Amino acid sequence: MTLPELERRADLIRREEVAAILARLEAMDDPSRRLPPRFEPEPYRPAQSTVDAFRLVAATGDVARLKAWLANRPKDAPLLLALLESPTSC
């Protein structure tokens, strides 16, 4: 065989290999079309440092200061007040 014919055959083999790879990729499920898995978001929970600070403020017994502190954290207040009312809190 001549050199140009060997190069042509090598090019044909490369094209066949590329075509086979592309066919396998097309046969696989396209990941870009998949929907992301649905996860329920975690329920909101204040940071542990916030809980610790709440316990310190509550331990002082200063109701006015505790009310002011909770007023600044309206998202955290329900859980923190539940901690205060639970028998094992503070």
C-alpha atoms as a PDB file:
ATOM      1  CA  MET A   1       0.000   0.000   0.000  1.00  0.00           C
ATOM      2  CA  THR A   2       1.085   3.498  -0.641  1.00  0.00           C
ATOM      3  CA  LEU A   3       1.462   6.169   1.994  1.00  0.00           C
ATOM      4  CA  PRO A   4      -1.562   8.197   0.832  1.00  0.00           C
ATOM      5  CA  GLU A   5      -3.736   5.069   0.961  1.00  0.00           C
ATOM      6  CA  LEU A   6      -2.521   4.210   4.486  1.00  0.00           C
ATOM      7  CA  GLU A   7      -3.285   7.782   5.614  1.00  0.00           C
ATOM      8  CA  ARG A   8      -6.751   7.581   4.055  1.00  0.00           C
ATOM      9  CA  ARG A   9      -7.463   4.288   5.832  1.00  0.00           C
ATOM     10  CA  ALA A  10      -6.196   5.686   9.149  1.00  0.00           C
ATOM     11  CA  ASP A  11      -8.481   8.687   8.672  1.00  0.00           C
ATOM     12  CA  LEU A  12     -11.435   6.369   7.963  1.00  0.00           C
ATOM     13  CA  ILE A  13     -10.690   4.354  11.117  1.00  0.00           C
ATOM     14  CA  ARG A  14     -10.521   7.574  13.202  1.00  0.00           C
ATOM     15  CA  ARG A  15     -13.846   8.690  11.733  1.00  0.00           C
ATOM     16  CA  GLU A  16     -15.427   5.327  12.587  1.00  0.00           C
ATOM     17  CA  GLU A  17     -14.141   5.551  16.155  1.00  0.00           C
ATOM     18  CA  VAL A  18     -15.458   9.086  16.562  1.00  0.00           C
ATOM     19  CA  ALA A  19     -18.813   8.047  15.097  1.00  0.00           C
ATOM     20  CA  ALA A  20     -19.014   5.130  17.556  1.00  0.00           C
ATOM     21  CA  ILE A  21     -18.251   7.433  20.489  1.00  0.00           C
ATOM     22  CA  LEU A  22     -20.895   9.909  19.347  1.00  0.00           C
ATOM     23  CA  ALA A  23     -23.434   7.112  18.903  1.00  0.00           C
ATOM     24  CA  ARG A  24     -22.807   5.914  22.459  1.00  0.00           C
ATOM     25  CA  LEU A  25     -23.182   9.449  23.790  1.00  0.00           C
ATOM     26  CA  GLU A  26     -26.447   9.937  21.919  1.00  0.00           C
ATOM     27  CA  ALA A  27     -27.736   6.603  23.197  1.00  0.00           C
ATOM     28  CA  MET A  28     -27.116   7.654  26.781  1.00  0.00           C
ATOM     29  CA  ASP A  29     -29.595   9.850  28.542  1.00  0.00           C
ATOM     30  CA  ASP A  30     -28.615  13.466  27.997  1.00  0.00           C
ATOM     31  CA  PRO A  31     -27.695  14.759  31.494  1.00  0.00           C
ATOM     32  CA  SER A  32     -28.476  18.349  30.504  1.00  0.00           C
ATOM     33  CA  ARG A  33     -32.122  17.391  29.952  1.00  0.00           C
ATOM     34  CA  ARG A  34     -32.573  15.681  33.293  1.00  0.00           C
ATOM     35  CA  LEU A  35     -34.610  17.441  35.929  1.00  0.00           C
ATOM     36  CA  PRO A  36     -32.801  18.055  39.176  1.00  0.00           C
ATOM     37  CA  PRO A  37     -33.915  15.781  42.003  1.00  0.00           C
ATOM     38  CA  ARG A  38     -36.622  17.253  44.168  1.00  0.00           C
ATOM     39  CA  PHE A  39     -35.588  17.680  47.740  1.00  0.00           C
ATOM     40  CA  GLU A  40     -37.703  19.153  50.443  1.00  0.00           C
ATOM     41  CA  PRO A  41     -35.855  22.077  51.956  1.00  0.00           C
ATOM     42  CA  GLU A  42     -34.749  21.671  55.519  1.00  0.00           C
ATOM     43  CA  PRO A  43     -37.033  23.487  57.933  1.00  0.00           C
ATOM     44  CA  TYR A  44     -35.571  26.759  59.117  1.00  0.00           C
ATOM     45  CA  ARG A  45     -33.525  26.535  62.230  1.00  0.00           C
ATOM     46  CA  PRO A  46     -31.452  29.264  63.868  1.00  0.00           C
ATOM     47  CA  ALA A  47     -27.715  28.841  64.126  1.00  0.00           C
ATOM     48  CA  GLN A  48     -26.382  27.181  67.251  1.00  0.00           C
ATOM     49  CA  SER A  49     -24.627  30.418  68.190  1.00  0.00           C
ATOM     50  CA  THR A  50     -28.024  32.171  68.161  1.00  0.00           C
ATOM     51  CA  VAL A  51     -29.500  29.486  70.412  1.00  0.00           C
ATOM     52  CA  ASP A  52     -26.551  29.801  72.782  1.00  0.00           C
ATOM     53  CA  ALA A  53     -26.873  33.593  72.873  1.00  0.00           C
ATOM     54  CA  PHE A  54     -30.602  33.253  73.533  1.00  0.00           C
ATOM     55  CA  ARG A  55     -29.923  30.989  76.482  1.00  0.00           C
ATOM     56  CA  LEU A  56     -27.486  33.519  77.910  1.00  0.00           C
ATOM     57  CA  VAL A  57     -29.973  36.375  77.532  1.00  0.00           C
ATOM     58  CA  ALA A  58     -32.784  34.266  78.998  1.00  0.00           C
ATOM     59  CA  ALA A  59     -30.599  33.241  81.936  1.00  0.00           C
ATOM     60  CA  THR A  60     -30.178  36.864  83.011  1.00  0.00           C
ATOM     61  CA  GLY A  61     -33.883  37.032  83.852  1.00  0.00           C
ATOM     62  CA  ASP A  62     -34.220  40.488  82.276  1.00  0.00           C
ATOM     63  CA  VAL A  63     -37.581  40.218  80.488  1.00  0.00           C
ATOM     64  CA  ALA A  64     -37.292  43.601  78.745  1.00  0.00           C
ATOM     65  CA  ARG A  65     -33.881  42.707  77.358  1.00  0.00           C
ATOM     66  CA  LEU A  66     -35.157  39.275  76.244  1.00  0.00           C
ATOM     67  CA  LYS A  67     -38.148  40.858  74.459  1.00  0.00           C
ATOM     68  CA  ALA A  68     -35.890  43.357  72.692  1.00  0.00           C
ATOM     69  CA  TRP A  69     -33.458  40.621  71.723  1.00  0.00           C
ATOM     70  CA  LEU A  70     -36.260  38.468  70.274  1.00  0.00           C
ATOM     71  CA  ALA A  71     -37.786  41.477  68.467  1.00  0.00           C
ATOM     72  CA  ASN A  72     -34.533  41.754  66.512  1.00  0.00           C
ATOM     73  CA  ARG A  73     -34.837  38.105  65.446  1.00  0.00           C
ATOM     74  CA  PRO A  74     -38.448  37.576  64.316  1.00  0.00           C
ATOM     75  CA  LYS A  75     -37.555  34.533  62.220  1.00  0.00           C
ATOM     76  CA  ASP A  76     -35.839  32.832  65.157  1.00  0.00           C
ATOM     77  CA  ALA A  77     -38.301  33.817  67.884  1.00  0.00           C
ATOM     78  CA  PRO A  78     -40.837  30.950  67.539  1.00  0.00           C
ATOM     79  CA  LEU A  79     -38.265  28.186  67.923  1.00  0.00           C
ATOM     80  CA  LEU A  80     -36.387  30.032  70.648  1.00  0.00           C
ATOM     81  CA  LEU A  81     -39.555  30.605  72.655  1.00  0.00           C
ATOM     82  CA  ALA A  82     -40.372  26.914  72.252  1.00  0.00           C
ATOM     83  CA  LEU A  83     -36.943  26.146  73.722  1.00  0.00           C
ATOM     84  CA  LEU A  84     -37.705  28.426  76.640  1.00  0.00           C
ATOM     85  CA  GLU A  85     -40.997  26.651  77.295  1.00  0.00           C
ATOM     86  CA  SER A  86     -39.577  23.146  77.035  1.00  0.00           C
ATOM     87  CA  PRO A  87     -38.726  21.435  80.336  1.00  0.00           C
ATOM     88  CA  THR A  88     -35.062  20.807  79.412  1.00  0.00           C
ATOM     89  CA  SER A  89     -34.217  24.323  78.212  1.00  0.00           C
ATOM     90  CA  CYS A  90     -31.701  26.768  79.651  1.00  0.00           C
END
